[in-house]
């Protein structure tokens, strides 16, 4: 079974769309995160969930 770790990023309503895209791109390129979910709430707050696989290495005996 695949396990994921999650990171939640929140952006205020004053944050430009290009700045949000740039932040998500940096997380994807350098941290190997993938987009899981994005919500835009009343009031303009954007909350984005990123996830990446947890790789477990079996112990050598």
PDB file of N, CA and C in Angstrom:
ATOM      1  N   UNK A   1       0.837  -1.174   0.000  1.00  0.00           N
ATOM      2  CA  UNK A   1       0.000   0.000   0.000  1.00  0.00           C
ATOM      3  C   UNK A   1       0.890   1.247   0.000  1.00  0.00           C
ATOM      4  N   UNK A   2       0.523   2.225  -0.799  1.00  0.00           N
ATOM      5  CA  UNK A   2       1.307   3.449  -0.927  1.00  0.00           C
ATOM      6  C   UNK A   2       0.944   4.410   0.200  1.00  0.00           C
ATOM      7  N   UNK A   3       1.962   4.965   0.845  1.00  0.00           N
ATOM      8  CA  UNK A   3       1.748   5.961   1.886  1.00  0.00           C
ATOM      9  C   UNK A   3       2.238   7.316   1.386  1.00  0.00           C
ATOM     10  N   UNK A   4       1.522   8.366   1.771  1.00  0.00           N
ATOM     11  CA  UNK A   4       1.874   9.715   1.369  1.00  0.00           C
ATOM     12  C   UNK A   4       2.074  10.601   2.586  1.00  0.00           C
ATOM     13  N   UNK A   5       2.918  11.605   2.428  1.00  0.00           N
ATOM     14  CA  UNK A   5       2.983  12.676   3.409  1.00  0.00           C
ATOM     15  C   UNK A   5       2.391  13.907   2.740  1.00  0.00           C
ATOM     16  N   UNK A   6       1.795  14.777   3.537  1.00  0.00           N
ATOM     17  CA  UNK A   6       1.071  15.919   3.004  1.00  0.00           C
ATOM     18  C   UNK A   6       1.649  17.218   3.539  1.00  0.00           C
ATOM     19  N   UNK A   7       1.529  18.266   2.742  1.00  0.00           N
ATOM     20  CA  UNK A   7       1.901  19.619   3.141  1.00  0.00           C
ATOM     21  C   UNK A   7       0.785  20.549   2.676  1.00  0.00           C
ATOM     22  N   UNK A   8       0.353  21.426   3.560  1.00  0.00           N
ATOM     23  CA  UNK A   8      -0.725  22.363   3.244  1.00  0.00           C
ATOM     24  C   UNK A   8      -0.133  23.759   3.117  1.00  0.00           C
ATOM     25  N   UNK A   9      -0.400  24.404   1.987  1.00  0.00           N
ATOM     26  CA  UNK A   9       0.033  25.778   1.758  1.00  0.00           C
ATOM     27  C   UNK A   9      -1.199  26.668   1.702  1.00  0.00           C
ATOM     28  N   UNK A  10      -1.139  27.817   2.375  1.00  0.00           N
ATOM     29  CA  UNK A  10      -2.244  28.767   2.360  1.00  0.00           C
ATOM     30  C   UNK A  10      -1.762  30.087   1.781  1.00  0.00           C
ATOM     31  N   UNK A  11      -2.587  30.681   0.938  1.00  0.00           N
ATOM     32  CA  UNK A  11      -2.270  31.956   0.310  1.00  0.00           C
ATOM     33  C   UNK A  11      -3.429  32.911   0.550  1.00  0.00           C
ATOM     34  N   UNK A  12      -3.101  34.137   0.895  1.00  0.00           N
ATOM     35  CA  UNK A  12      -4.123  35.151   1.132  1.00  0.00           C
ATOM     36  C   UNK A  12      -4.716  35.657  -0.170  1.00  0.00           C
ATOM     37  N   UNK A  13      -5.772  36.433  -0.043  1.00  0.00           N
ATOM     38  CA  UNK A  13      -6.454  36.930  -1.240  1.00  0.00           C
ATOM     39  C   UNK A  13      -5.605  37.928  -2.012  1.00  0.00           C
ATOM     40  N   UNK A  14      -4.614  38.543  -1.367  1.00  0.00           N
ATOM     41  CA  UNK A  14      -3.770  39.530  -2.038  1.00  0.00           C
ATOM     42  C   UNK A  14      -2.641  38.885  -2.836  1.00  0.00           C
ATOM     43  N   UNK A  15      -2.455  37.577  -2.697  1.00  0.00           N
ATOM     44  CA  UNK A  15      -1.400  36.866  -3.418  1.00  0.00           C
ATOM     45  C   UNK A  15      -1.798  36.698  -4.878  1.00  0.00           C
ATOM     46  N   UNK A  16      -0.912  37.098  -5.768  1.00  0.00           N
ATOM     47  CA  UNK A  16      -1.178  37.000  -7.204  1.00  0.00           C
ATOM     48  C   UNK A  16      -1.146  35.540  -7.655  1.00  0.00           C
ATOM     49  N   UNK A  17      -1.903  35.240  -8.672  1.00  0.00           N
ATOM     50  CA  UNK A  17      -1.968  33.867  -9.188  1.00  0.00           C
ATOM     51  C   UNK A  17      -0.608  33.388  -9.684  1.00  0.00           C
ATOM     52  N   UNK A  18       0.154  34.287 -10.270  1.00  0.00           N
ATOM     53  CA  UNK A  18       1.497  33.927 -10.738  1.00  0.00           C
ATOM     54  C   UNK A  18       2.421  33.557  -9.595  1.00  0.00           C
ATOM     55  N   UNK A  19       2.281  34.246  -8.462  1.00  0.00           N
ATOM     56  CA  UNK A  19       3.101  33.921  -7.293  1.00  0.00           C
ATOM     57  C   UNK A  19       2.734  32.553  -6.721  1.00  0.00           C
ATOM     58  N   UNK A  20       1.444  32.231  -6.720  1.00  0.00           N
ATOM     59  CA  UNK A  20       0.998  30.907  -6.259  1.00  0.00           C
ATOM     60  C   UNK A  20       1.557  29.827  -7.181  1.00  0.00           C
ATOM     61  N   UNK A  21       1.454  30.056  -8.472  1.00  0.00           N
ATOM     62  CA  UNK A  21       1.962  29.084  -9.447  1.00  0.00           C
ATOM     63  C   UNK A  21       3.460  28.885  -9.266  1.00  0.00           C
ATOM     64  N   UNK A  22       4.203  29.961  -9.034  1.00  0.00           N
ATOM     65  CA  UNK A  22       5.648  29.879  -8.853  1.00  0.00           C
ATOM     66  C   UNK A  22       5.992  29.071  -7.598  1.00  0.00           C
ATOM     67  N   UNK A  23       5.271  29.305  -6.516  1.00  0.00           N
ATOM     68  CA  UNK A  23       5.531  28.565  -5.276  1.00  0.00           C
ATOM     69  C   UNK A  23       5.248  27.079  -5.453  1.00  0.00           C
ATOM     70  N   UNK A  24       4.137  26.745  -6.120  1.00  0.00           N
ATOM     71  CA  UNK A  24       3.796  25.339  -6.342  1.00  0.00           C
ATOM     72  C   UNK A  24       4.805  24.660  -7.262  1.00  0.00           C
ATOM     73  N   UNK A  25       5.278  25.389  -8.262  1.00  0.00           N
ATOM     74  CA  UNK A  25       6.275  24.838  -9.183  1.00  0.00           C
ATOM     75  C   UNK A  25       7.576  24.536  -8.464  1.00  0.00           C
ATOM     76  N   UNK A  26       8.007  25.436  -7.566  1.00  0.00           N
ATOM     77  CA  UNK A  26       9.235  25.206  -6.815  1.00  0.00           C
ATOM     78  C   UNK A  26       9.115  23.984  -5.907  1.00  0.00           C
ATOM     79  N   UNK A  27       7.965  23.827  -5.247  1.00  0.00           N
ATOM     80  CA  UNK A  27       7.769  22.652  -4.401  1.00  0.00           C
ATOM     81  C   UNK A  27       7.789  21.367  -5.238  1.00  0.00           C
ATOM     82  N   UNK A  28       7.198  21.418  -6.426  1.00  0.00           N
ATOM     83  CA  UNK A  28       7.148  20.235  -7.285  1.00  0.00           C
ATOM     84  C   UNK A  28       8.538  19.872  -7.804  1.00  0.00           C
ATOM     85  N   UNK A  29       9.304  20.872  -8.241  1.00  0.00           N
ATOM     86  CA  UNK A  29      10.614  20.593  -8.831  1.00  0.00           C
ATOM     87  C   UNK A  29      11.642  20.166  -7.809  1.00  0.00           C
ATOM     88  N   UNK A  30      11.715  20.878  -6.690  1.00  0.00           N
ATOM     89  CA  UNK A  30      12.804  20.654  -5.752  1.00  0.00           C
ATOM     90  C   UNK A  30      12.433  19.728  -4.599  1.00  0.00           C
ATOM     91  N   UNK A  31      11.151  19.630  -4.270  1.00  0.00           N
ATOM     92  CA  UNK A  31      10.748  18.790  -3.158  1.00  0.00           C
ATOM     93  C   UNK A  31      10.015  17.536  -3.574  1.00  0.00           C
ATOM     94  N   UNK A  32       9.799  17.366  -4.888  1.00  0.00           N
ATOM     95  CA  UNK A  32       9.094  16.207  -5.450  1.00  0.00           C
ATOM     96  C   UNK A  32       7.661  16.094  -4.919  1.00  0.00           C
ATOM     97  N   UNK A  33       6.997  17.234  -4.711  1.00  0.00           N
ATOM     98  CA  UNK A  33       5.609  17.245  -4.272  1.00  0.00           C
ATOM     99  C   UNK A  33       4.711  17.240  -5.493  1.00  0.00           C
ATOM    100  N   UNK A  34       3.514  16.674  -5.368  1.00  0.00           N
ATOM    101  CA  UNK A  34       2.516  16.726  -6.433  1.00  0.00           C
ATOM    102  C   UNK A  34       1.242  17.337  -5.868  1.00  0.00           C
ATOM    103  N   UNK A  35       0.484  17.985  -6.746  1.00  0.00           N
ATOM    104  CA  UNK A  35      -0.743  18.654  -6.340  1.00  0.00           C
ATOM    105  C   UNK A  35      -1.813  17.619  -6.018  1.00  0.00           C
ATOM    106  N   UNK A  36      -2.406  17.722  -4.844  1.00  0.00           N
ATOM    107  CA  UNK A  36      -3.453  16.797  -4.434  1.00  0.00           C
ATOM    108  C   UNK A  36      -4.825  17.478  -4.476  1.00  0.00           C
ATOM    109  N   UNK A  37      -4.922  18.679  -3.920  1.00  0.00           N
ATOM    110  CA  UNK A  37      -6.218  19.356  -3.858  1.00  0.00           C
ATOM    111  C   UNK A  37      -6.002  20.857  -3.702  1.00  0.00           C
ATOM    112  N   UNK A  38      -6.893  21.649  -4.284  1.00  0.00           N
ATOM    113  CA  UNK A  38      -6.887  23.097  -4.111  1.00  0.00           C
ATOM    114  C   UNK A  38      -8.295  23.555  -3.804  1.00  0.00           C
ATOM    115  N   UNK A  39      -8.425  24.400  -2.787  1.00  0.00           N
ATOM    116  CA  UNK A  39      -9.719  24.964  -2.415  1.00  0.00           C
ATOM    117  C   UNK A  39      -9.595  26.474  -2.346  1.00  0.00           C
ATOM    118  N   UNK A  40     -10.586  27.168  -2.862  1.00  0.00           N
ATOM    119  CA  UNK A  40     -10.663  28.617  -2.718  1.00  0.00           C
ATOM    120  C   UNK A  40     -11.873  28.896  -1.840  1.00  0.00           C
ATOM    121  N   UNK A  41     -11.618  29.498  -0.681  1.00  0.00           N
ATOM    122  CA  UNK A  41     -12.661  29.726   0.305  1.00  0.00           C
ATOM    123  C   UNK A  41     -13.285  31.105   0.141  1.00  0.00           C
ATOM    124  N   UNK A  42     -14.440  31.278   0.745  1.00  0.00           N
ATOM    125  CA  UNK A  42     -15.086  32.587   0.779  1.00  0.00           C
ATOM    126  C   UNK A  42     -14.133  33.534   1.482  1.00  0.00           C
ATOM    127  N   UNK A  43     -13.931  34.688   0.915  1.00  0.00           N
ATOM    128  CA  UNK A  43     -12.964  35.630   1.452  1.00  0.00           C
ATOM    129  C   UNK A  43     -11.679  35.632   0.638  1.00  0.00           C
ATOM    130  N   UNK A  44     -11.520  34.656  -0.255  1.00  0.00           N
ATOM    131  CA  UNK A  44     -10.389  34.648  -1.178  1.00  0.00           C
ATOM    132  C   UNK A  44      -9.175  33.857  -0.755  1.00  0.00           C
ATOM    133  N   UNK A  45      -9.210  33.189   0.393  1.00  0.00           N
ATOM    134  CA  UNK A  45      -8.057  32.396   0.820  1.00  0.00           C
ATOM    135  C   UNK A  45      -7.973  31.130  -0.030  1.00  0.00           C
ATOM    136  N   UNK A  46      -6.793  30.874  -0.548  1.00  0.00           N
ATOM    137  CA  UNK A  46      -6.549  29.663  -1.333  1.00  0.00           C
ATOM    138  C   UNK A  46      -5.723  28.710  -0.488  1.00  0.00           C
ATOM    139  N   UNK A  47      -6.207  27.505  -0.327  1.00  0.00           N
ATOM    140  CA  UNK A  47      -5.489  26.487   0.436  1.00  0.00           C
ATOM    141  C   UNK A  47      -5.206  25.326  -0.514  1.00  0.00           C
ATOM    142  N   UNK A  48      -3.946  24.906  -0.539  1.00  0.00           N
ATOM    143  CA  UNK A  48      -3.511  23.863  -1.458  1.00  0.00           C
ATOM    144  C   UNK A  48      -2.850  22.737  -0.684  1.00  0.00           C
ATOM    145  N   UNK A  49      -3.241  21.508  -0.975  1.00  0.00           N
ATOM    146  CA  UNK A  49      -2.641  20.322  -0.367  1.00  0.00           C
ATOM    147  C   UNK A  49      -1.698  19.694  -1.384  1.00  0.00           C
ATOM    148  N   UNK A  50      -0.462  19.462  -0.957  1.00  0.00           N
ATOM    149  CA  UNK A  50       0.525  18.767  -1.775  1.00  0.00           C
ATOM    150  C   UNK A  50       0.824  17.435  -1.122  1.00  0.00           C
ATOM    151  N   UNK A  51       1.206  16.454  -1.916  1.00  0.00           N
ATOM    152  CA  UNK A  51       1.555  15.153  -1.354  1.00  0.00           C
ATOM    153  C   UNK A  51       2.754  14.581  -2.087  1.00  0.00           C
ATOM    154  N   UNK A  52       3.457  13.681  -1.406  1.00  0.00           N
ATOM    155  CA  UNK A  52       4.536  12.921  -2.032  1.00  0.00           C
ATOM    156  C   UNK A  52       4.611  11.562  -1.359  1.00  0.00           C
ATOM    157  N   UNK A  53       5.094  10.598  -2.108  1.00  0.00           N
ATOM    158  CA  UNK A  53       5.164   9.229  -1.609  1.00  0.00           C
ATOM    159  C   UNK A  53       6.237   9.102  -0.546  1.00  0.00           C
ATOM    160  N   UNK A  54       5.946   8.289   0.451  1.00  0.00           N
ATOM    161  CA  UNK A  54       6.931   7.920   1.455  1.00  0.00           C
ATOM    162  C   UNK A  54       7.543   6.613   0.994  1.00  0.00           C
ATOM    163  N   UNK A  55       8.824   6.638   0.762  1.00  0.00           N
ATOM    164  CA  UNK A  55       9.524   5.442   0.292  1.00  0.00           C
ATOM    165  C   UNK A  55      10.187   4.772   1.478  1.00  0.00           C
ATOM    166  N   UNK A  56       9.765   3.588   1.760  1.00  0.00           N
ATOM    167  CA  UNK A  56      10.334   2.821   2.866  1.00  0.00           C
ATOM    168  C   UNK A  56      11.324   1.796   2.295  1.00  0.00           C
ATOM    169  N   UNK A  57      12.515   1.820   2.826  1.00  0.00           N
ATOM    170  CA  UNK A  57      13.562   0.902   2.375  1.00  0.00           C
ATOM    171  C   UNK A  57      13.593  -0.275   3.357  1.00  0.00           C
ATOM    172  N   UNK A  58      13.421  -1.485   2.843  1.00  0.00           N
ATOM    173  CA  UNK A  58      13.483  -2.645   3.750  1.00  0.00           C
ATOM    174  C   UNK A  58      14.886  -2.810   4.319  1.00  0.00           C
ATOM    175  N   UNK A  59      14.927  -3.218   5.572  1.00  0.00           N
ATOM    176  CA  UNK A  59      16.204  -3.437   6.229  1.00  0.00           C
ATOM    177  C   UNK A  59      16.892  -4.683   5.684  1.00  0.00           C
ATOM    178  N   UNK A  60      18.191  -4.571   5.523  1.00  0.00           N
ATOM    179  CA  UNK A  60      18.967  -5.741   5.096  1.00  0.00           C
ATOM    180  C   UNK A  60      19.307  -6.576   6.310  1.00  0.00           C
ATOM    181  N   UNK A  61      19.163  -7.878   6.187  1.00  0.00           N
ATOM    182  CA  UNK A  61      19.432  -8.771   7.332  1.00  0.00           C
ATOM    183  C   UNK A  61      20.863  -9.221   7.339  1.00  0.00           C
TER     184      UNK A  61
END
